[in-house]
């Protein structure tokens, strides 16, 4: 660290892009993009609080010549606590909504949703050597989304009213990430990593899922870092996801 004092204030931004397909959409790929930003403050050596905002856009085709497109947002507080040596609890509570368009062969329409997400992760850091760290994690995510009543219509003026509904999902997962840091000749720190996750989704859209990921982090080990990763995910119902994520963090 070169003796530099770390600031308690941190600003960050992350971006994710992914493509996905399911068995029921005839092999057609949909897209997903997410940009997140936030700021946090270190209250004490073992406690941090912050606020984050997230904006996403999704397209989801089906095999019946139909496509759903949507834009959404989530915002709210988050916190991180060090419960013991190398053991951390991260939690967030986010509220938001989305606005969506339905485009089918015969009918078109739009609808809005309201959503809430609670995300909690318990993870540890095991030092396997001077520069190698294993990070196991247990995570729980609960998502509640309420679709408002809406209607669809066709070019002939026929209108169909559809009743809204509420969807809940609880995702429980266990995973681990292995990383090793290398000091470059220019003094920067390069950290490659590999990770995996396996879990089960309960309530609506239940089923098993799993992901594997690989990434790189470049840092000056003082007040900034840049992160990039690739991931592949699969779910029991046949949905596959391929994505990339990039982010930057700066301390002031």
C-alpha atoms as a PDB file:
ATOM      1  CA  UNK A   1       0.000   0.000   0.000  1.00  0.00           C
ATOM      2  CA  UNK A   2       3.025   2.248   0.169  1.00  0.00           C
ATOM      3  CA  UNK A   3       1.859   3.748   3.458  1.00  0.00           C
ATOM      4  CA  UNK A   4      -0.971   5.665   1.786  1.00  0.00           C
ATOM      5  CA  UNK A   5      -4.055   6.264   3.924  1.00  0.00           C
ATOM      6  CA  UNK A   6      -7.273   4.776   2.566  1.00  0.00           C
ATOM      7  CA  UNK A   7     -10.248   7.119   2.236  1.00  0.00           C
ATOM      8  CA  UNK A   8     -13.521   6.000   3.882  1.00  0.00           C
ATOM      9  CA  UNK A   9     -15.539   7.232   0.862  1.00  0.00           C
ATOM     10  CA  UNK A  10     -15.881   5.058  -2.239  1.00  0.00           C
ATOM     11  CA  UNK A  11     -17.650   5.552  -5.618  1.00  0.00           C
ATOM     12  CA  UNK A  12     -18.156   2.683  -8.062  1.00  0.00           C
ATOM     13  CA  UNK A  13     -19.789   1.829 -11.368  1.00  0.00           C
ATOM     14  CA  UNK A  14     -20.389  -1.585 -12.990  1.00  0.00           C
ATOM     15  CA  UNK A  15     -21.783  -2.674 -16.353  1.00  0.00           C
ATOM     16  CA  UNK A  16     -23.038  -6.093 -17.479  1.00  0.00           C
ATOM     17  CA  UNK A  17     -24.139  -7.405 -20.877  1.00  0.00           C
ATOM     18  CA  UNK A  18     -25.467 -10.926 -21.477  1.00  0.00           C
ATOM     19  CA  UNK A  19     -27.364 -13.055 -23.974  1.00  0.00           C
ATOM     20  CA  UNK A  20     -29.712 -15.879 -23.012  1.00  0.00           C
ATOM     21  CA  UNK A  21     -32.003 -18.501 -24.517  1.00  0.00           C
ATOM     22  CA  UNK A  22     -34.572 -21.006 -23.242  1.00  0.00           C
ATOM     23  CA  UNK A  23     -36.071 -24.156 -24.728  1.00  0.00           C
ATOM     24  CA  UNK A  24     -39.465 -22.472 -25.184  1.00  0.00           C
ATOM     25  CA  UNK A  25     -38.144 -19.585 -27.318  1.00  0.00           C
ATOM     26  CA  UNK A  26     -37.153 -21.801 -30.227  1.00  0.00           C
ATOM     27  CA  UNK A  27     -33.423 -21.312 -29.820  1.00  0.00           C
ATOM     28  CA  UNK A  28     -33.640 -17.542 -30.347  1.00  0.00           C
ATOM     29  CA  UNK A  29     -31.341 -15.474 -28.129  1.00  0.00           C
ATOM     30  CA  UNK A  30     -32.511 -12.627 -25.956  1.00  0.00           C
ATOM     31  CA  UNK A  31     -30.334  -9.842 -24.543  1.00  0.00           C
ATOM     32  CA  UNK A  32     -29.814  -8.255 -21.144  1.00  0.00           C
ATOM     33  CA  UNK A  33     -27.866  -5.145 -20.160  1.00  0.00           C
ATOM     34  CA  UNK A  34     -27.329  -3.670 -16.687  1.00  0.00           C
ATOM     35  CA  UNK A  35     -25.526  -0.583 -15.454  1.00  0.00           C
ATOM     36  CA  UNK A  36     -25.061  -0.024 -11.726  1.00  0.00           C
ATOM     37  CA  UNK A  37     -23.570   2.803  -9.704  1.00  0.00           C
ATOM     38  CA  UNK A  38     -23.213   3.590  -6.050  1.00  0.00           C
ATOM     39  CA  UNK A  39     -21.366   5.264  -3.240  1.00  0.00           C
ATOM     40  CA  UNK A  40     -20.492   3.975   0.213  1.00  0.00           C
ATOM     41  CA  UNK A  41     -18.852   5.128   3.408  1.00  0.00           C
ATOM     42  CA  UNK A  42     -16.728   3.164   5.869  1.00  0.00           C
ATOM     43  CA  UNK A  43     -18.370   3.818   9.251  1.00  0.00           C
ATOM     44  CA  UNK A  44     -15.778   1.845  11.171  1.00  0.00           C
ATOM     45  CA  UNK A  45     -13.064  -0.675  10.483  1.00  0.00           C
ATOM     46  CA  UNK A  46     -15.654  -3.466  10.170  1.00  0.00           C
ATOM     47  CA  UNK A  47     -18.817  -1.701   8.969  1.00  0.00           C
ATOM     48  CA  UNK A  48     -19.728  -0.046   5.658  1.00  0.00           C
ATOM     49  CA  UNK A  49     -23.010   1.448   4.373  1.00  0.00           C
ATOM     50  CA  UNK A  50     -23.964   2.773   0.946  1.00  0.00           C
ATOM     51  CA  UNK A  51     -26.610   3.558  -1.656  1.00  0.00           C
ATOM     52  CA  UNK A  52     -26.851   2.038  -5.142  1.00  0.00           C
ATOM     53  CA  UNK A  53     -28.872   2.544  -8.325  1.00  0.00           C
ATOM     54  CA  UNK A  54     -29.355   0.003 -11.114  1.00  0.00           C
ATOM     55  CA  UNK A  55     -30.858   0.358 -14.617  1.00  0.00           C
ATOM     56  CA  UNK A  56     -31.481  -2.613 -16.903  1.00  0.00           C
ATOM     57  CA  UNK A  57     -32.810  -3.352 -20.387  1.00  0.00           C
ATOM     58  CA  UNK A  58     -33.992  -6.745 -21.605  1.00  0.00           C
ATOM     59  CA  UNK A  59     -35.299  -8.299 -24.827  1.00  0.00           C
ATOM     60  CA  UNK A  60     -36.883 -11.758 -24.719  1.00  0.00           C
ATOM     61  CA  UNK A  61     -38.092 -13.408 -27.961  1.00  0.00           C
ATOM     62  CA  UNK A  62     -40.395 -16.435 -28.182  1.00  0.00           C
ATOM     63  CA  UNK A  63     -41.008 -19.098 -30.816  1.00  0.00           C
ATOM     64  CA  UNK A  64     -44.501 -17.694 -31.511  1.00  0.00           C
ATOM     65  CA  UNK A  65     -43.273 -14.597 -33.368  1.00  0.00           C
ATOM     66  CA  UNK A  66     -43.491 -12.505 -30.210  1.00  0.00           C
ATOM     67  CA  UNK A  67     -40.998 -10.393 -28.293  1.00  0.00           C
ATOM     68  CA  UNK A  68     -40.977  -8.776 -24.882  1.00  0.00           C
ATOM     69  CA  UNK A  69     -38.773  -5.740 -24.284  1.00  0.00           C
ATOM     70  CA  UNK A  70     -38.407  -3.975 -20.977  1.00  0.00           C
ATOM     71  CA  UNK A  71     -36.555  -1.272 -19.082  1.00  0.00           C
ATOM     72  CA  UNK A  72     -36.293  -1.341 -15.317  1.00  0.00           C
ATOM     73  CA  UNK A  73     -34.653   0.201 -12.288  1.00  0.00           C
ATOM     74  CA  UNK A  74     -33.809  -0.650  -8.692  1.00  0.00           C
ATOM     75  CA  UNK A  75     -32.412   1.580  -5.939  1.00  0.00           C
ATOM     76  CA  UNK A  76     -31.771   1.310  -2.244  1.00  0.00           C
ATOM     77  CA  UNK A  77     -29.305   0.918   0.626  1.00  0.00           C
ATOM     78  CA  UNK A  78     -26.671  -1.751   1.170  1.00  0.00           C
ATOM     79  CA  UNK A  79     -24.289  -2.617   3.978  1.00  0.00           C
ATOM     80  CA  UNK A  80     -21.281  -4.830   4.660  1.00  0.00           C
ATOM     81  CA  UNK A  81     -20.033  -6.088   8.010  1.00  0.00           C
ATOM     82  CA  UNK A  82     -16.954  -8.086   9.002  1.00  0.00           C
ATOM     83  CA  UNK A  83     -18.331 -10.632  11.456  1.00  0.00           C
ATOM     84  CA  UNK A  84     -14.951 -12.158  12.255  1.00  0.00           C
ATOM     85  CA  UNK A  85     -11.499 -12.499  10.811  1.00  0.00           C
ATOM     86  CA  UNK A  86     -12.066 -12.852   7.064  1.00  0.00           C
ATOM     87  CA  UNK A  87     -15.833 -13.462   7.380  1.00  0.00           C
ATOM     88  CA  UNK A  88     -18.172 -10.881   5.824  1.00  0.00           C
ATOM     89  CA  UNK A  89     -21.946 -10.332   5.632  1.00  0.00           C
ATOM     90  CA  UNK A  90     -23.181  -8.228   2.687  1.00  0.00           C
ATOM     91  CA  UNK A  91     -26.849  -7.261   2.383  1.00  0.00           C
ATOM     92  CA  UNK A  92     -29.010  -4.914   0.310  1.00  0.00           C
ATOM     93  CA  UNK A  93     -32.687  -4.009   0.015  1.00  0.00           C
ATOM     94  CA  UNK A  94     -33.737  -2.526  -3.338  1.00  0.00           C
ATOM     95  CA  UNK A  95     -37.052  -1.188  -4.628  1.00  0.00           C
ATOM     96  CA  UNK A  96     -37.938  -0.264  -8.194  1.00  0.00           C
ATOM     97  CA  UNK A  97     -40.077  -0.969 -11.223  1.00  0.00           C
ATOM     98  CA  UNK A  98     -40.104  -1.556 -14.954  1.00  0.00           C
ATOM     99  CA  UNK A  99     -42.004  -0.583 -18.083  1.00  0.00           C
ATOM    100  CA  UNK A 100     -42.407  -3.172 -20.801  1.00  0.00           C
ATOM    101  CA  UNK A 101     -43.721  -3.652 -24.356  1.00  0.00           C
ATOM    102  CA  UNK A 102     -45.293  -6.831 -25.740  1.00  0.00           C
ATOM    103  CA  UNK A 103     -45.113  -7.306 -29.529  1.00  0.00           C
ATOM    104  CA  UNK A 104     -46.867 -10.394 -30.966  1.00  0.00           C
ATOM    105  CA  UNK A 105     -48.032 -11.400 -34.424  1.00  0.00           C
ATOM    106  CA  UNK A 106     -51.594 -10.249 -33.712  1.00  0.00           C
ATOM    107  CA  UNK A 107     -51.628  -8.086 -30.560  1.00  0.00           C
ATOM    108  CA  UNK A 108     -49.410  -5.398 -29.040  1.00  0.00           C
ATOM    109  CA  UNK A 109     -49.463  -3.768 -25.621  1.00  0.00           C
ATOM    110  CA  UNK A 110     -47.478  -2.480 -22.683  1.00  0.00           C
ATOM    111  CA  UNK A 111     -47.434  -2.992 -18.929  1.00  0.00           C
ATOM    112  CA  UNK A 112     -45.665  -1.722 -15.807  1.00  0.00           C
ATOM    113  CA  UNK A 113     -44.344  -3.590 -12.796  1.00  0.00           C
ATOM    114  CA  UNK A 114     -43.260  -2.829  -9.250  1.00  0.00           C
ATOM    115  CA  UNK A 115     -40.438  -4.888  -7.796  1.00  0.00           C
ATOM    116  CA  UNK A 116     -38.464  -5.410  -4.608  1.00  0.00           C
ATOM    117  CA  UNK A 117     -35.247  -7.386  -4.129  1.00  0.00           C
ATOM    118  CA  UNK A 118     -33.462  -8.474  -0.977  1.00  0.00           C
ATOM    119  CA  UNK A 119     -29.937  -9.857  -1.447  1.00  0.00           C
ATOM    120  CA  UNK A 120     -27.757 -11.249   1.349  1.00  0.00           C
ATOM    121  CA  UNK A 121     -24.402 -12.999   1.076  1.00  0.00           C
ATOM    122  CA  UNK A 122     -22.175 -14.557   3.723  1.00  0.00           C
ATOM    123  CA  UNK A 123     -18.613 -15.102   2.529  1.00  0.00           C
ATOM    124  CA  UNK A 124     -15.190 -15.874   3.908  1.00  0.00           C
ATOM    125  CA  UNK A 125     -11.652 -15.275   2.695  1.00  0.00           C
ATOM    126  CA  UNK A 126      -9.097 -18.073   3.145  1.00  0.00           C
ATOM    127  CA  UNK A 127      -5.475 -17.176   2.460  1.00  0.00           C
ATOM    128  CA  UNK A 128      -3.886 -20.170   0.698  1.00  0.00           C
ATOM    129  CA  UNK A 129      -0.517 -18.464   0.245  1.00  0.00           C
ATOM    130  CA  UNK A 130       1.098 -15.053   0.064  1.00  0.00           C
ATOM    131  CA  UNK A 131      -0.918 -14.122  -3.039  1.00  0.00           C
ATOM    132  CA  UNK A 132      -3.685 -16.766  -3.376  1.00  0.00           C
ATOM    133  CA  UNK A 133      -7.147 -16.384  -1.832  1.00  0.00           C
ATOM    134  CA  UNK A 134     -10.158 -18.731  -1.805  1.00  0.00           C
ATOM    135  CA  UNK A 135     -13.526 -17.035  -1.214  1.00  0.00           C
ATOM    136  CA  UNK A 136     -16.473 -19.372  -0.495  1.00  0.00           C
ATOM    137  CA  UNK A 137     -19.918 -17.749  -0.342  1.00  0.00           C
ATOM    138  CA  UNK A 138     -23.484 -18.611   0.672  1.00  0.00           C
ATOM    139  CA  UNK A 139     -26.111 -16.354  -0.914  1.00  0.00           C
ATOM    140  CA  UNK A 140     -29.884 -15.822  -0.706  1.00  0.00           C
ATOM    141  CA  UNK A 141     -31.845 -13.565  -3.083  1.00  0.00           C
ATOM    142  CA  UNK A 142     -35.595 -12.884  -2.806  1.00  0.00           C
ATOM    143  CA  UNK A 143     -37.366 -11.093  -5.673  1.00  0.00           C
ATOM    144  CA  UNK A 144     -40.980  -9.917  -5.653  1.00  0.00           C
ATOM    145  CA  UNK A 145     -42.438  -8.443  -8.837  1.00  0.00           C
ATOM    146  CA  UNK A 146     -46.051  -7.278  -9.294  1.00  0.00           C
ATOM    147  CA  UNK A 147     -47.395  -6.842 -12.828  1.00  0.00           C
ATOM    148  CA  UNK A 148     -50.144  -4.223 -13.064  1.00  0.00           C
ATOM    149  CA  UNK A 149     -53.372  -4.862 -15.008  1.00  0.00           C
ATOM    150  CA  UNK A 150     -52.902  -4.116 -18.702  1.00  0.00           C
ATOM    151  CA  UNK A 151     -54.461  -4.547 -22.138  1.00  0.00           C
ATOM    152  CA  UNK A 152     -53.325  -5.502 -25.641  1.00  0.00           C
ATOM    153  CA  UNK A 153     -54.907  -4.529 -28.958  1.00  0.00           C
ATOM    154  CA  UNK A 154     -54.564  -5.176 -32.670  1.00  0.00           C
ATOM    155  CA  UNK A 155     -54.728  -3.012 -35.785  1.00  0.00           C
ATOM    156  CA  UNK A 156     -58.452  -3.689 -36.159  1.00  0.00           C
ATOM    157  CA  UNK A 157     -59.260  -2.029 -32.839  1.00  0.00           C
ATOM    158  CA  UNK A 158     -59.872  -5.226 -30.871  1.00  0.00           C
ATOM    159  CA  UNK A 159     -58.808  -4.794 -27.257  1.00  0.00           C
ATOM    160  CA  UNK A 160     -58.180  -7.522 -24.676  1.00  0.00           C
ATOM    161  CA  UNK A 161     -57.863  -6.722 -20.969  1.00  0.00           C
ATOM    162  CA  UNK A 162     -55.432  -8.872 -18.990  1.00  0.00           C
ATOM    163  CA  UNK A 163     -55.264  -9.220 -15.238  1.00  0.00           C
ATOM    164  CA  UNK A 164     -52.009  -8.487 -13.462  1.00  0.00           C
ATOM    165  CA  UNK A 165     -50.206 -10.978 -11.253  1.00  0.00           C
ATOM    166  CA  UNK A 166     -47.465 -11.211  -8.667  1.00  0.00           C
ATOM    167  CA  UNK A 167     -44.362 -13.370  -9.032  1.00  0.00           C
ATOM    168  CA  UNK A 168     -41.999 -14.353  -6.210  1.00  0.00           C
ATOM    169  CA  UNK A 169     -38.660 -16.115  -6.428  1.00  0.00           C
ATOM    170  CA  UNK A 170     -36.151 -17.204  -3.795  1.00  0.00           C
ATOM    171  CA  UNK A 171     -32.692 -18.213  -5.044  1.00  0.00           C
ATOM    172  CA  UNK A 172     -30.281 -20.002  -2.702  1.00  0.00           C
ATOM    173  CA  UNK A 173     -26.733 -20.686  -3.871  1.00  0.00           C
ATOM    174  CA  UNK A 174     -23.325 -21.860  -2.700  1.00  0.00           C
ATOM    175  CA  UNK A 175     -20.123 -21.075  -4.556  1.00  0.00           C
ATOM    176  CA  UNK A 176     -16.458 -20.237  -4.359  1.00  0.00           C
ATOM    177  CA  UNK A 177     -13.887 -18.090  -6.150  1.00  0.00           C
ATOM    178  CA  UNK A 178     -10.133 -18.643  -6.391  1.00  0.00           C
ATOM    179  CA  UNK A 179      -7.796 -15.733  -7.185  1.00  0.00           C
ATOM    180  CA  UNK A 180      -4.055 -15.072  -7.296  1.00  0.00           C
ATOM    181  CA  UNK A 181      -2.376 -11.651  -7.378  1.00  0.00           C
ATOM    182  CA  UNK A 182       0.697 -10.780  -9.463  1.00  0.00           C
ATOM    183  CA  UNK A 183       2.781  -7.623  -9.020  1.00  0.00           C
ATOM    184  CA  UNK A 184       3.637  -6.133 -12.423  1.00  0.00           C
ATOM    185  CA  UNK A 185       6.901  -4.333 -13.243  1.00  0.00           C
ATOM    186  CA  UNK A 186       5.101  -0.963 -13.271  1.00  0.00           C
ATOM    187  CA  UNK A 187       3.844  -1.554  -9.728  1.00  0.00           C
ATOM    188  CA  UNK A 188       0.234  -2.378 -10.635  1.00  0.00           C
ATOM    189  CA  UNK A 189      -1.477  -5.444  -9.251  1.00  0.00           C
ATOM    190  CA  UNK A 190      -3.040  -7.963 -11.702  1.00  0.00           C
ATOM    191  CA  UNK A 191      -5.399 -10.549 -10.194  1.00  0.00           C
ATOM    192  CA  UNK A 192      -6.915 -13.343 -12.351  1.00  0.00           C
ATOM    193  CA  UNK A 193      -9.709 -15.432 -10.817  1.00  0.00           C
ATOM    194  CA  UNK A 194     -12.020 -18.374 -11.465  1.00  0.00           C
ATOM    195  CA  UNK A 195     -15.333 -19.110  -9.779  1.00  0.00           C
ATOM    196  CA  UNK A 196     -18.386 -21.370  -9.757  1.00  0.00           C
ATOM    197  CA  UNK A 197     -21.861 -21.316  -8.204  1.00  0.00           C
ATOM    198  CA  UNK A 198     -24.588 -23.931  -7.801  1.00  0.00           C
ATOM    199  CA  UNK A 199     -28.027 -23.330  -6.382  1.00  0.00           C
ATOM    200  CA  UNK A 200     -31.767 -23.824  -6.389  1.00  0.00           C
ATOM    201  CA  UNK A 201     -34.617 -21.415  -7.144  1.00  0.00           C
ATOM    202  CA  UNK A 202     -37.799 -21.877  -5.100  1.00  0.00           C
ATOM    203  CA  UNK A 203     -41.355 -20.472  -5.306  1.00  0.00           C
ATOM    204  CA  UNK A 204     -42.208 -19.398  -8.887  1.00  0.00           C
ATOM    205  CA  UNK A 205     -39.921 -20.679 -11.694  1.00  0.00           C
ATOM    206  CA  UNK A 206     -38.336 -23.281  -9.428  1.00  0.00           C
ATOM    207  CA  UNK A 207     -35.338 -25.330 -10.454  1.00  0.00           C
ATOM    208  CA  UNK A 208     -31.601 -25.862 -10.123  1.00  0.00           C
ATOM    209  CA  UNK A 209     -29.030 -23.534 -11.672  1.00  0.00           C
ATOM    210  CA  UNK A 210     -25.283 -23.131 -11.947  1.00  0.00           C
ATOM    211  CA  UNK A 211     -22.672 -20.674 -13.240  1.00  0.00           C
ATOM    212  CA  UNK A 212     -18.953 -20.602 -13.958  1.00  0.00           C
ATOM    213  CA  UNK A 213     -16.934 -17.392 -14.347  1.00  0.00           C
ATOM    214  CA  UNK A 214     -13.435 -16.126 -15.057  1.00  0.00           C
ATOM    215  CA  UNK A 215     -12.097 -12.608 -14.692  1.00  0.00           C
ATOM    216  CA  UNK A 216      -9.232 -10.160 -14.220  1.00  0.00           C
ATOM    217  CA  UNK A 217      -8.762  -7.248 -11.845  1.00  0.00           C
ATOM    218  CA  UNK A 218      -6.176  -4.478 -12.362  1.00  0.00           C
ATOM    219  CA  UNK A 219      -5.420  -2.181  -9.424  1.00  0.00           C
ATOM    220  CA  UNK A 220      -2.876   0.288  -8.113  1.00  0.00           C
ATOM    221  CA  UNK A 221      -3.556  -1.244  -4.658  1.00  0.00           C
ATOM    222  CA  UNK A 222      -4.276   2.238  -3.273  1.00  0.00           C
ATOM    223  CA  UNK A 223      -7.412   3.950  -4.546  1.00  0.00           C
ATOM    224  CA  UNK A 224      -8.610   2.544  -7.891  1.00  0.00           C
ATOM    225  CA  UNK A 225      -9.244  -0.733  -9.674  1.00  0.00           C
ATOM    226  CA  UNK A 226     -10.730  -1.978 -12.953  1.00  0.00           C
ATOM    227  CA  UNK A 227     -12.487  -5.326 -13.189  1.00  0.00           C
ATOM    228  CA  UNK A 228     -13.596  -7.524 -16.119  1.00  0.00           C
ATOM    229  CA  UNK A 229     -15.188 -10.973 -16.119  1.00  0.00           C
ATOM    230  CA  UNK A 230     -16.943 -13.524 -18.356  1.00  0.00           C
ATOM    231  CA  UNK A 231     -19.648 -15.938 -17.208  1.00  0.00           C
ATOM    232  CA  UNK A 232     -21.718 -18.871 -18.402  1.00  0.00           C
ATOM    233  CA  UNK A 233     -24.894 -20.015 -16.670  1.00  0.00           C
ATOM    234  CA  UNK A 234     -27.428 -22.789 -17.151  1.00  0.00           C
ATOM    235  CA  UNK A 235     -30.759 -23.585 -15.464  1.00  0.00           C
ATOM    236  CA  UNK A 236     -32.715 -26.829 -15.145  1.00  0.00           C
ATOM    237  CA  UNK A 237     -35.413 -25.682 -17.585  1.00  0.00           C
ATOM    238  CA  UNK A 238     -32.815 -25.298 -20.338  1.00  0.00           C
ATOM    239  CA  UNK A 239     -32.117 -21.557 -20.116  1.00  0.00           C
ATOM    240  CA  UNK A 240     -28.515 -20.673 -20.943  1.00  0.00           C
ATOM    241  CA  UNK A 241     -26.760 -17.349 -20.306  1.00  0.00           C
ATOM    242  CA  UNK A 242     -23.472 -16.036 -21.657  1.00  0.00           C
ATOM    243  CA  UNK A 243     -22.332 -12.655 -20.386  1.00  0.00           C
ATOM    244  CA  UNK A 244     -19.582 -10.153 -19.658  1.00  0.00           C
ATOM    245  CA  UNK A 245     -19.174  -7.659 -16.835  1.00  0.00           C
ATOM    246  CA  UNK A 246     -16.897  -4.646 -16.397  1.00  0.00           C
ATOM    247  CA  UNK A 247     -16.571  -2.241 -13.501  1.00  0.00           C
ATOM    248  CA  UNK A 248     -14.449   0.460 -11.909  1.00  0.00           C
ATOM    249  CA  UNK A 249     -14.020   1.640  -8.310  1.00  0.00           C
ATOM    250  CA  UNK A 250     -12.408   4.868  -7.119  1.00  0.00           C
ATOM    251  CA  UNK A 251     -11.719   6.022  -3.549  1.00  0.00           C
ATOM    252  CA  UNK A 252     -11.442   9.704  -2.634  1.00  0.00           C
END
